[in-house]
Amino acid sequence: MAWRGLEPESALPGDLLELLTGRFTFFGSDGLQMLCYLVPSPDGELTEGSRRVNTRRRHSAAGGLPPVEFERTITETPSRSHQKDRAA
Protein backbone atom coordinates (compact mmCIF):
# COMPACT_ATOMS: atom_id res chain seq x y z
CA MET A 1 0.00 0.00 0.00
CA ALA A 2 1.49 3.39 -0.95
CA TRP A 3 0.61 7.05 -0.63
CA ARG A 4 1.98 9.93 -2.68
CA GLY A 5 1.94 13.58 -1.77
CA LEU A 6 2.90 16.73 -3.68
CA GLU A 7 3.45 20.02 -1.86
CA PRO A 8 4.53 23.36 -3.37
CA GLU A 9 8.18 24.03 -2.55
CA SER A 10 7.22 27.53 -1.42
CA ALA A 11 5.02 26.05 1.35
CA LEU A 12 7.93 24.37 3.16
CA PRO A 13 9.84 25.93 6.05
CA GLY A 14 13.33 27.06 5.03
CA ASP A 15 15.21 24.57 7.22
CA LEU A 16 13.29 21.63 5.75
CA LEU A 17 13.74 22.91 2.21
CA GLU A 18 17.48 23.27 2.83
CA LEU A 19 17.58 19.63 3.93
CA LEU A 20 15.74 18.42 0.79
CA THR A 21 17.37 20.57 -1.91
CA GLY A 22 19.80 18.56 -4.02
CA ARG A 23 19.06 15.34 -2.15
CA PHE A 24 16.99 12.22 -2.48
CA THR A 25 15.93 11.40 1.06
CA PHE A 26 15.00 7.88 2.07
CA PHE A 27 13.86 6.30 5.34
CA GLY A 28 13.19 2.64 5.94
CA SER A 29 12.16 0.39 8.78
CA ASP A 30 10.28 -2.89 9.10
CA GLY A 31 7.34 -2.72 6.71
CA LEU A 32 7.77 1.00 5.89
CA GLN A 33 9.70 3.03 3.33
CA MET A 34 9.51 6.79 2.79
CA LEU A 35 10.99 8.87 -0.05
CA CYS A 36 11.14 12.62 -0.50
CA TYR A 37 12.60 14.69 -3.35
CA LEU A 38 11.95 17.80 -5.46
CA VAL A 39 10.10 17.51 -8.79
CA PRO A 40 9.14 20.10 -11.46
CA SER A 41 6.09 22.32 -11.09
CA PRO A 42 2.88 21.36 -12.95
CA ASP A 43 4.16 23.56 -15.81
CA GLY A 44 7.56 21.84 -15.84
CA GLU A 45 9.38 24.69 -14.07
CA LEU A 46 12.60 23.79 -12.28
CA THR A 47 13.46 27.18 -10.83
CA GLU A 48 13.87 27.47 -7.08
CA GLY A 49 10.54 28.25 -5.43
CA SER A 50 8.41 26.86 -8.26
CA ARG A 51 9.10 23.15 -7.81
CA ARG A 52 7.10 20.68 -5.74
CA VAL A 53 8.16 18.27 -3.03
CA ASN A 54 7.21 14.70 -3.90
CA THR A 55 6.72 12.31 -1.00
CA ARG A 56 5.98 8.61 -1.10
CA ARG A 57 5.16 6.38 1.81
CA ARG A 58 4.90 2.64 1.29
CA HIS A 59 3.79 0.00 3.75
CA SER A 60 4.39 -3.69 3.16
CA ALA A 61 1.24 -5.64 2.33
CA ALA A 62 -0.90 -5.32 5.45
CA GLY A 63 2.23 -4.16 7.30
CA GLY A 64 1.97 -7.19 9.54
CA LEU A 65 -1.38 -5.98 10.86
CA PRO A 66 -4.16 -8.46 11.68
CA PRO A 67 -6.85 -8.43 8.90
CA VAL A 68 -9.33 -6.37 10.94
CA GLU A 69 -6.72 -3.70 11.73
CA PHE A 70 -5.58 -3.61 8.10
CA GLU A 71 -9.18 -3.09 6.93
CA ARG A 72 -9.49 -0.16 9.36
CA THR A 73 -6.24 1.31 7.98
CA ILE A 74 -7.49 1.39 4.38
CA THR A 75 -11.05 2.48 5.22
CA GLU A 76 -11.94 6.15 4.81
CA THR A 77 -15.35 5.86 6.47
CA PRO A 78 -17.11 2.84 7.98
CA SER A 79 -18.75 2.00 4.64
CA ARG A 80 -16.12 3.17 2.13
CA SER A 81 -12.72 1.51 1.75
CA HIS A 82 -10.12 2.02 -0.96
CA GLN A 83 -10.40 -1.64 -1.96
CA LYS A 84 -14.16 -1.33 -2.44
CA ASP A 85 -13.69 1.84 -4.53
CA ARG A 86 -11.27 0.05 -6.87
CA ALA A 87 -13.70 -2.79 -7.45
CA ALA A 88 -16.56 -0.44 -8.33
PDB file of N, CA and C in Angstrom:
ATOM      1  N   MET A   1       0.857  -1.142   0.000  1.00  0.00           N
ATOM      2  CA  MET A   1       0.000   0.000   0.000  1.00  0.00           C
ATOM      3  C   MET A   1       0.916   1.221   0.000  1.00  0.00           C
ATOM      4  N   ALA A   2       0.623   2.208  -0.858  1.00  0.00           N
ATOM      5  CA  ALA A   2       1.487   3.389  -0.951  1.00  0.00           C
ATOM      6  C   ALA A   2       0.654   4.654  -1.048  1.00  0.00           C
ATOM      7  N   TRP A   3       1.221   5.726  -0.531  1.00  0.00           N
ATOM      8  CA  TRP A   3       0.607   7.049  -0.634  1.00  0.00           C
ATOM      9  C   TRP A   3       1.617   7.979  -1.267  1.00  0.00           C
ATOM     10  N   ARG A   4       1.120   8.919  -2.059  1.00  0.00           N
ATOM     11  CA  ARG A   4       1.980   9.926  -2.677  1.00  0.00           C
ATOM     12  C   ARG A   4       1.442  11.291  -2.308  1.00  0.00           C
ATOM     13  N   GLY A   5       2.342  12.218  -2.061  1.00  0.00           N
ATOM     14  CA  GLY A   5       1.944  13.584  -1.770  1.00  0.00           C
ATOM     15  C   GLY A   5       2.795  14.558  -2.560  1.00  0.00           C
ATOM     16  N   LEU A   6       2.186  15.648  -2.999  1.00  0.00           N
ATOM     17  CA  LEU A   6       2.898  16.734  -3.679  1.00  0.00           C
ATOM     18  C   LEU A   6       2.578  18.031  -2.954  1.00  0.00           C
ATOM     19  N   GLU A   7       3.606  18.766  -2.595  1.00  0.00           N
ATOM     20  CA  GLU A   7       3.452  20.021  -1.863  1.00  0.00           C
ATOM     21  C   GLU A   7       4.271  21.089  -2.574  1.00  0.00           C
ATOM     22  N   PRO A   8       3.726  22.296  -2.752  1.00  0.00           N
ATOM     23  CA  PRO A   8       4.531  23.357  -3.367  1.00  0.00           C
ATOM     24  C   PRO A   8       5.793  23.620  -2.538  1.00  0.00           C
ATOM     25  N   GLU A   9       6.899  23.751  -3.218  1.00  0.00           N
ATOM     26  CA  GLU A   9       8.177  24.028  -2.549  1.00  0.00           C
ATOM     27  C   GLU A   9       8.073  25.277  -1.674  1.00  0.00           C
ATOM     28  N   SER A  10       7.345  26.258  -2.148  1.00  0.00           N
ATOM     29  CA  SER A  10       7.218  27.526  -1.420  1.00  0.00           C
ATOM     30  C   SER A  10       6.471  27.378  -0.090  1.00  0.00           C
ATOM     31  N   ALA A  11       5.773  26.259   0.116  1.00  0.00           N
ATOM     32  CA  ALA A  11       5.015  26.050   1.346  1.00  0.00           C
ATOM     33  C   ALA A  11       5.864  25.436   2.466  1.00  0.00           C
ATOM     34  N   LEU A  12       7.079  25.020   2.154  1.00  0.00           N
ATOM     35  CA  LEU A  12       7.928  24.371   3.157  1.00  0.00           C
ATOM     36  C   LEU A  12       8.728  25.377   3.966  1.00  0.00           C
ATOM     37  N   PRO A  13       8.964  25.080   5.250  1.00  0.00           N
ATOM     38  CA  PRO A  13       9.845  25.928   6.052  1.00  0.00           C
ATOM     39  C   PRO A  13      11.266  25.877   5.477  1.00  0.00           C
ATOM     40  N   GLY A  14      11.986  26.953   5.603  1.00  0.00           N
ATOM     41  CA  GLY A  14      13.330  27.061   5.028  1.00  0.00           C
ATOM     42  C   GLY A  14      14.288  25.975   5.458  1.00  0.00           C
ATOM     43  N   ASP A  15      14.275  25.591   6.751  1.00  0.00           N
ATOM     44  CA  ASP A  15      15.212  24.567   7.218  1.00  0.00           C
ATOM     45  C   ASP A  15      14.912  23.202   6.603  1.00  0.00           C
ATOM     46  N   LEU A  16      13.648  22.896   6.391  1.00  0.00           N
ATOM     47  CA  LEU A  16      13.288  21.632   5.753  1.00  0.00           C
ATOM     48  C   LEU A  16      13.655  21.663   4.269  1.00  0.00           C
ATOM     49  N   LEU A  17      13.399  22.770   3.621  1.00  0.00           N
ATOM     50  CA  LEU A  17      13.744  22.913   2.210  1.00  0.00           C
ATOM     51  C   LEU A  17      15.246  22.793   2.012  1.00  0.00           C
ATOM     52  N   GLU A  18      16.020  23.362   2.920  1.00  0.00           N
ATOM     53  CA  GLU A  18      17.477  23.266   2.833  1.00  0.00           C
ATOM     54  C   GLU A  18      17.927  21.805   2.927  1.00  0.00           C
ATOM     55  N   LEU A  19      17.266  21.040   3.776  1.00  0.00           N
ATOM     56  CA  LEU A  19      17.578  19.628   3.933  1.00  0.00           C
ATOM     57  C   LEU A  19      17.267  18.839   2.662  1.00  0.00           C
ATOM     58  N   LEU A  20      16.188  19.194   1.956  1.00  0.00           N
ATOM     59  CA  LEU A  20      15.744  18.423   0.792  1.00  0.00           C
ATOM     60  C   LEU A  20      16.424  18.821  -0.511  1.00  0.00           C
ATOM     61  N   THR A  21      16.823  20.080  -0.648  1.00  0.00           N
ATOM     62  CA  THR A  21      17.365  20.572  -1.910  1.00  0.00           C
ATOM     63  C   THR A  21      18.638  19.821  -2.292  1.00  0.00           C
ATOM     64  N   GLY A  22      18.639  19.280  -3.507  1.00  0.00           N
ATOM     65  CA  GLY A  22      19.799  18.563  -4.022  1.00  0.00           C
ATOM     66  C   GLY A  22      19.975  17.166  -3.442  1.00  0.00           C
ATOM     67  N   ARG A  23      18.956  16.666  -2.775  1.00  0.00           N
ATOM     68  CA  ARG A  23      19.062  15.344  -2.153  1.00  0.00           C
ATOM     69  C   ARG A  23      17.841  14.482  -2.480  1.00  0.00           C
ATOM     70  N   PHE A  24      18.066  13.210  -2.412  1.00  0.00           N
ATOM     71  CA  PHE A  24      16.993  12.217  -2.485  1.00  0.00           C
ATOM     72  C   PHE A  24      16.968  11.589  -1.097  1.00  0.00           C
ATOM     73  N   THR A  25      15.959  11.908  -0.302  1.00  0.00           N
ATOM     74  CA  THR A  25      15.926  11.397   1.064  1.00  0.00           C
ATOM     75  C   THR A  25      15.139  10.093   1.120  1.00  0.00           C
ATOM     76  N   PHE A  26      15.598   9.201   1.955  1.00  0.00           N
ATOM     77  CA  PHE A  26      14.998   7.876   2.075  1.00  0.00           C
ATOM     78  C   PHE A  26      15.029   7.449   3.533  1.00  0.00           C
ATOM     79  N   PHE A  27      13.937   6.860   3.995  1.00  0.00           N
ATOM     80  CA  PHE A  27      13.860   6.305   5.336  1.00  0.00           C
ATOM     81  C   PHE A  27      13.239   4.932   5.223  1.00  0.00           C
ATOM     82  N   GLY A  28      13.757   3.979   5.958  1.00  0.00           N
ATOM     83  CA  GLY A  28      13.186   2.642   5.939  1.00  0.00           C
ATOM     84  C   GLY A  28      13.226   1.994   7.301  1.00  0.00           C
ATOM     85  N   SER A  29      12.212   1.232   7.588  1.00  0.00           N
ATOM     86  CA  SER A  29      12.157   0.395   8.783  1.00  0.00           C
ATOM     87  C   SER A  29      11.291  -0.804   8.439  1.00  0.00           C
ATOM     88  N   ASP A  30      11.075  -1.699   9.375  1.00  0.00           N
ATOM     89  CA  ASP A  30      10.277  -2.895   9.100  1.00  0.00           C
ATOM     90  C   ASP A  30       8.905  -2.522   8.551  1.00  0.00           C
ATOM     91  N   GLY A  31       8.650  -2.914   7.321  1.00  0.00           N
ATOM     92  CA  GLY A  31       7.340  -2.719   6.715  1.00  0.00           C
ATOM     93  C   GLY A  31       7.039  -1.309   6.250  1.00  0.00           C
ATOM     94  N   LEU A  32       8.023  -0.385   6.271  1.00  0.00           N
ATOM     95  CA  LEU A  32       7.767   1.002   5.893  1.00  0.00           C
ATOM     96  C   LEU A  32       8.962   1.577   5.151  1.00  0.00           C
ATOM     97  N   GLN A  33       8.679   2.265   4.048  1.00  0.00           N
ATOM     98  CA  GLN A  33       9.697   3.029   3.333  1.00  0.00           C
ATOM     99  C   GLN A  33       9.112   4.399   3.012  1.00  0.00           C
ATOM    100  N   MET A  34       9.941   5.434   3.126  1.00  0.00           N
ATOM    101  CA  MET A  34       9.508   6.788   2.787  1.00  0.00           C
ATOM    102  C   MET A  34      10.571   7.431   1.904  1.00  0.00           C
ATOM    103  N   LEU A  35      10.118   8.147   0.873  1.00  0.00           N
ATOM    104  CA  LEU A  35      10.993   8.868  -0.051  1.00  0.00           C
ATOM    105  C   LEU A  35      10.547  10.318  -0.111  1.00  0.00           C
ATOM    106  N   CYS A  36      11.491  11.208  -0.359  1.00  0.00           N
ATOM    107  CA  CYS A  36      11.143  12.617  -0.500  1.00  0.00           C
ATOM    108  C   CYS A  36      12.175  13.280  -1.410  1.00  0.00           C
ATOM    109  N   TYR A  37      11.702  14.018  -2.429  1.00  0.00           N
ATOM    110  CA  TYR A  37      12.603  14.691  -3.353  1.00  0.00           C
ATOM    111  C   TYR A  37      11.830  15.768  -4.112  1.00  0.00           C
ATOM    112  N   LEU A  38      12.559  16.707  -4.700  1.00  0.00           N
ATOM    113  CA  LEU A  38      11.945  17.799  -5.455  1.00  0.00           C
ATOM    114  C   LEU A  38      11.649  17.353  -6.883  1.00  0.00           C
ATOM    115  N   VAL A  39      10.512  17.805  -7.416  1.00  0.00           N
ATOM    116  CA  VAL A  39      10.100  17.515  -8.793  1.00  0.00           C
ATOM    117  C   VAL A  39       9.664  18.833  -9.453  1.00  0.00           C
ATOM    118  N   PRO A  40       9.572  18.863 -10.788  1.00  0.00           N
ATOM    119  CA  PRO A  40       9.142  20.098 -11.459  1.00  0.00           C
ATOM    120  C   PRO A  40       7.726  20.524 -11.065  1.00  0.00           C
ATOM    121  N   SER A  41       7.439  21.790 -11.312  1.00  0.00           N
ATOM    122  CA  SER A  41       6.086  22.321 -11.091  1.00  0.00           C
ATOM    123  C   SER A  41       5.135  21.687 -12.095  1.00  0.00           C
ATOM    124  N   PRO A  42       3.826  21.902 -11.958  1.00  0.00           N
ATOM    125  CA  PRO A  42       2.880  21.361 -12.947  1.00  0.00           C
ATOM    126  C   PRO A  42       3.177  21.844 -14.372  1.00  0.00           C
ATOM    127  N   ASP A  43       3.817  23.013 -14.490  1.00  0.00           N
ATOM    128  CA  ASP A  43       4.164  23.556 -15.814  1.00  0.00           C
ATOM    129  C   ASP A  43       5.556  23.145 -16.264  1.00  0.00           C
ATOM    130  N   GLY A  44       6.226  22.303 -15.478  1.00  0.00           N
ATOM    131  CA  GLY A  44       7.556  21.838 -15.837  1.00  0.00           C
ATOM    132  C   GLY A  44       8.680  22.753 -15.363  1.00  0.00           C
ATOM    133  N   GLU A  45       8.369  23.752 -14.565  1.00  0.00           N
ATOM    134  CA  GLU A  45       9.383  24.691 -14.066  1.00  0.00           C
ATOM    135  C   GLU A  45      10.313  24.011 -13.076  1.00  0.00           C
ATOM    136  N   LEU A  46      11.602  24.330 -13.195  1.00  0.00           N
ATOM    137  CA  LEU A  46      12.596  23.785 -12.285  1.00  0.00           C
ATOM    138  C   LEU A  46      13.271  24.861 -11.441  1.00  0.00           C
ATOM    139  N   THR A  47      12.832  26.104 -11.578  1.00  0.00           N
ATOM    140  CA  THR A  47      13.457  27.181 -10.833  1.00  0.00           C
ATOM    141  C   THR A  47      13.111  27.081  -9.355  1.00  0.00           C
ATOM    142  N   GLU A  48      14.061  27.513  -8.527  1.00  0.00           N
ATOM    143  CA  GLU A  48      13.866  27.472  -7.080  1.00  0.00           C
ATOM    144  C   GLU A  48      12.617  28.251  -6.694  1.00  0.00           C
ATOM    145  N   GLY A  49      11.789  27.631  -5.875  1.00  0.00           N
ATOM    146  CA  GLY A  49      10.545  28.249  -5.432  1.00  0.00           C
ATOM    147  C   GLY A  49       9.328  27.832  -6.237  1.00  0.00           C
ATOM    148  N   SER A  50       9.549  27.272  -7.439  1.00  0.00           N
ATOM    149  CA  SER A  50       8.407  26.863  -8.264  1.00  0.00           C
ATOM    150  C   SER A  50       8.211  25.348  -8.305  1.00  0.00           C
ATOM    151  N   ARG A  51       9.184  24.618  -7.775  1.00  0.00           N
ATOM    152  CA  ARG A  51       9.098  23.150  -7.809  1.00  0.00           C
ATOM    153  C   ARG A  51       8.112  22.642  -6.759  1.00  0.00           C
ATOM    154  N   ARG A  52       7.943  21.335  -6.750  1.00  0.00           N
ATOM    155  CA  ARG A  52       7.102  20.679  -5.742  1.00  0.00           C
ATOM    156  C   ARG A  52       7.939  19.638  -5.005  1.00  0.00           C
ATOM    157  N   VAL A  53       7.531  19.338  -3.799  1.00  0.00           N
ATOM    158  CA  VAL A  53       8.163  18.269  -3.033  1.00  0.00           C
ATOM    159  C   VAL A  53       7.297  17.032  -3.201  1.00  0.00           C
ATOM    160  N   ASN A  54       7.899  15.971  -3.688  1.00  0.00           N
ATOM    161  CA  ASN A  54       7.209  14.702  -3.898  1.00  0.00           C
ATOM    162  C   ASN A  54       7.534  13.790  -2.721  1.00  0.00           C
ATOM    163  N   THR A  55       6.509  13.257  -2.080  1.00  0.00           N
ATOM    164  CA  THR A  55       6.716  12.306  -0.995  1.00  0.00           C
ATOM    165  C   THR A  55       5.994  11.008  -1.326  1.00  0.00           C
ATOM    166  N   ARG A  56       6.598   9.933  -0.950  1.00  0.00           N
ATOM    167  CA  ARG A  56       5.981   8.609  -1.104  1.00  0.00           C
ATOM    168  C   ARG A  56       6.173   7.840   0.184  1.00  0.00           C
ATOM    169  N   ARG A  57       5.113   7.220   0.619  1.00  0.00           N
ATOM    170  CA  ARG A  57       5.161   6.382   1.812  1.00  0.00           C
ATOM    171  C   ARG A  57       4.580   5.030   1.435  1.00  0.00           C
ATOM    172  N   ARG A  58       5.334   3.982   1.673  1.00  0.00           N
ATOM    173  CA  ARG A  58       4.905   2.638   1.292  1.00  0.00           C
ATOM    174  C   ARG A  58       4.951   1.728   2.499  1.00  0.00           C
ATOM    175  N   HIS A  59       3.867   1.009   2.696  1.00  0.00           N
ATOM    176  CA  HIS A  59       3.788   0.003   3.748  1.00  0.00           C
ATOM    177  C   HIS A  59       3.762  -1.362   3.088  1.00  0.00           C
ATOM    178  N   SER A  60       4.448  -2.318   3.671  1.00  0.00           N
ATOM    179  CA  SER A  60       4.385  -3.689   3.164  1.00  0.00           C
ATOM    180  C   SER A  60       2.944  -4.162   3.232  1.00  0.00           C
ATOM    181  N   ALA A  61       2.615  -5.121   2.385  1.00  0.00           N
ATOM    182  CA  ALA A  61       1.242  -5.639   2.334  1.00  0.00           C
ATOM    183  C   ALA A  61       0.742  -5.929   3.736  1.00  0.00           C
ATOM    184  N   ALA A  62      -0.263  -5.231   4.136  1.00  0.00           N
ATOM    185  CA  ALA A  62      -0.901  -5.319   5.448  1.00  0.00           C
ATOM    186  C   ALA A  62       0.023  -4.901   6.580  1.00  0.00           C
ATOM    187  N   GLY A  63       1.297  -4.641   6.288  1.00  0.00           N
ATOM    188  CA  GLY A  63       2.228  -4.164   7.298  1.00  0.00           C
ATOM    189  C   GLY A  63       2.294  -5.035   8.538  1.00  0.00           C
ATOM    190  N   GLY A  64       1.951  -6.304   8.399  1.00  0.00           N
ATOM    191  CA  GLY A  64       1.971  -7.195   9.544  1.00  0.00           C
ATOM    192  C   GLY A  64       0.761  -7.031  10.457  1.00  0.00           C
ATOM    193  N   LEU A  65      -0.191  -6.196  10.037  1.00  0.00           N
ATOM    194  CA  LEU A  65      -1.384  -5.978  10.857  1.00  0.00           C
ATOM    195  C   LEU A  65      -2.351  -7.151  10.735  1.00  0.00           C
ATOM    196  N   PRO A  66      -3.095  -7.457  11.801  1.00  0.00           N
ATOM    197  CA  PRO A  66      -4.162  -8.456  11.681  1.00  0.00           C
ATOM    198  C   PRO A  66      -5.187  -7.963  10.654  1.00  0.00           C
ATOM    199  N   PRO A  67      -5.906  -8.839   9.958  1.00  0.00           N
ATOM    200  CA  PRO A  67      -6.845  -8.435   8.905  1.00  0.00           C
ATOM    201  C   PRO A  67      -7.825  -7.335   9.313  1.00  0.00           C
ATOM    202  N   VAL A  68      -8.364  -7.390  10.508  1.00  0.00           N
ATOM    203  CA  VAL A  68      -9.329  -6.369  10.937  1.00  0.00           C
ATOM    204  C   VAL A  68      -8.654  -5.009  11.046  1.00  0.00           C
ATOM    205  N   GLU A  69      -7.458  -4.958  11.608  1.00  0.00           N
ATOM    206  CA  GLU A  69      -6.716  -3.699  11.734  1.00  0.00           C
ATOM    207  C   GLU A  69      -6.351  -3.160  10.360  1.00  0.00           C
ATOM    208  N   PHE A  70      -5.935  -4.038   9.447  1.00  0.00           N
ATOM    209  CA  PHE A  70      -5.584  -3.611   8.095  1.00  0.00           C
ATOM    210  C   PHE A  70      -6.795  -3.000   7.401  1.00  0.00           C
ATOM    211  N   GLU A  71      -7.945  -3.621   7.533  1.00  0.00           N
ATOM    212  CA  GLU A  71      -9.178  -3.088   6.927  1.00  0.00           C
ATOM    213  C   GLU A  71      -9.474  -1.695   7.471  1.00  0.00           C
ATOM    214  N   ARG A  72      -9.285  -1.487   8.771  1.00  0.00           N
ATOM    215  CA  ARG A  72      -9.486  -0.157   9.360  1.00  0.00           C
ATOM    216  C   ARG A  72      -8.508   0.851   8.779  1.00  0.00           C
ATOM    217  N   THR A  73      -7.272   0.423   8.510  1.00  0.00           N
ATOM    218  CA  THR A  73      -6.242   1.307   7.980  1.00  0.00           C
ATOM    219  C   THR A  73      -6.610   1.815   6.597  1.00  0.00           C
ATOM    220  N   ILE A  74      -7.185   0.976   5.755  1.00  0.00           N
ATOM    221  CA  ILE A  74      -7.490   1.388   4.383  1.00  0.00           C
ATOM    222  C   ILE A  74      -8.921   1.884   4.214  1.00  0.00           C
ATOM    223  N   THR A  75      -9.661   2.048   5.286  1.00  0.00           N
ATOM    224  CA  THR A  75     -11.051   2.482   5.220  1.00  0.00           C
ATOM    225  C   THR A  75     -11.158   3.962   5.529  1.00  0.00           C
ATOM    226  N   GLU A  76     -11.767   4.718   4.615  1.00  0.00           N
ATOM    227  CA  GLU A  76     -11.945   6.151   4.814  1.00  0.00           C
ATOM    228  C   GLU A  76     -13.089   6.431   5.782  1.00  0.00           C
ATOM    229  N   THR A  77     -14.187   5.753   5.589  1.00  0.00           N
ATOM    230  CA  THR A  77     -15.348   5.865   6.466  1.00  0.00           C
ATOM    231  C   THR A  77     -15.822   4.437   6.721  1.00  0.00           C
ATOM    232  N   PRO A  78     -16.693   4.217   7.685  1.00  0.00           N
ATOM    233  CA  PRO A  78     -17.107   2.838   7.979  1.00  0.00           C
ATOM    234  C   PRO A  78     -17.635   2.056   6.774  1.00  0.00           C
ATOM    235  N   SER A  79     -18.174   2.736   5.765  1.00  0.00           N
ATOM    236  CA  SER A  79     -18.750   2.002   4.640  1.00  0.00           C
ATOM    237  C   SER A  79     -17.984   2.205   3.335  1.00  0.00           C
ATOM    238  N   ARG A  80     -16.830   2.887   3.374  1.00  0.00           N
ATOM    239  CA  ARG A  80     -16.119   3.167   2.132  1.00  0.00           C
ATOM    240  C   ARG A  80     -14.632   2.897   2.294  1.00  0.00           C
ATOM    241  N   SER A  81     -14.150   1.808   1.703  1.00  0.00           N
ATOM    242  CA  SER A  81     -12.721   1.506   1.752  1.00  0.00           C
ATOM    243  C   SER A  81     -12.119   1.688   0.369  1.00  0.00           C
ATOM    244  N   HIS A  82     -10.807   1.868   0.327  1.00  0.00           N
ATOM    245  CA  HIS A  82     -10.118   2.020  -0.958  1.00  0.00           C
ATOM    246  C   HIS A  82     -10.302   0.790  -1.818  1.00  0.00           C
ATOM    247  N   GLN A  83     -10.242  -0.390  -1.214  1.00  0.00           N
ATOM    248  CA  GLN A  83     -10.403  -1.644  -1.962  1.00  0.00           C
ATOM    249  C   GLN A  83     -11.786  -1.695  -2.605  1.00  0.00           C
ATOM    250  N   LYS A  84     -12.821  -1.312  -1.887  1.00  0.00           N
ATOM    251  CA  LYS A  84     -14.164  -1.328  -2.440  1.00  0.00           C
ATOM    252  C   LYS A  84     -14.295  -0.328  -3.581  1.00  0.00           C
ATOM    253  N   ASP A  85     -13.637   0.836  -3.461  1.00  0.00           N
ATOM    254  CA  ASP A  85     -13.694   1.839  -4.529  1.00  0.00           C
ATOM    255  C   ASP A  85     -13.041   1.317  -5.809  1.00  0.00           C
ATOM    256  N   ARG A  86     -11.939   0.579  -5.691  1.00  0.00           N
ATOM    257  CA  ARG A  86     -11.270   0.052  -6.868  1.00  0.00           C
ATOM    258  C   ARG A  86     -12.135  -0.969  -7.588  1.00  0.00           C
ATOM    259  N   ALA A  87     -12.877  -1.743  -6.847  1.00  0.00           N
ATOM    260  CA  ALA A  87     -13.702  -2.793  -7.450  1.00  0.00           C
ATOM    261  C   ALA A  87     -14.931  -2.222  -8.158  1.00  0.00           C
ATOM    262  N   ALA A  88     -15.334  -1.028  -7.771  1.00  0.00           N
ATOM    263  CA  ALA A  88     -16.564  -0.436  -8.326  1.00  0.00           C
ATOM    264  C   ALA A  88     -16.375   0.093  -9.711  1.00  0.00           C
TER     265      ALA A  88
END
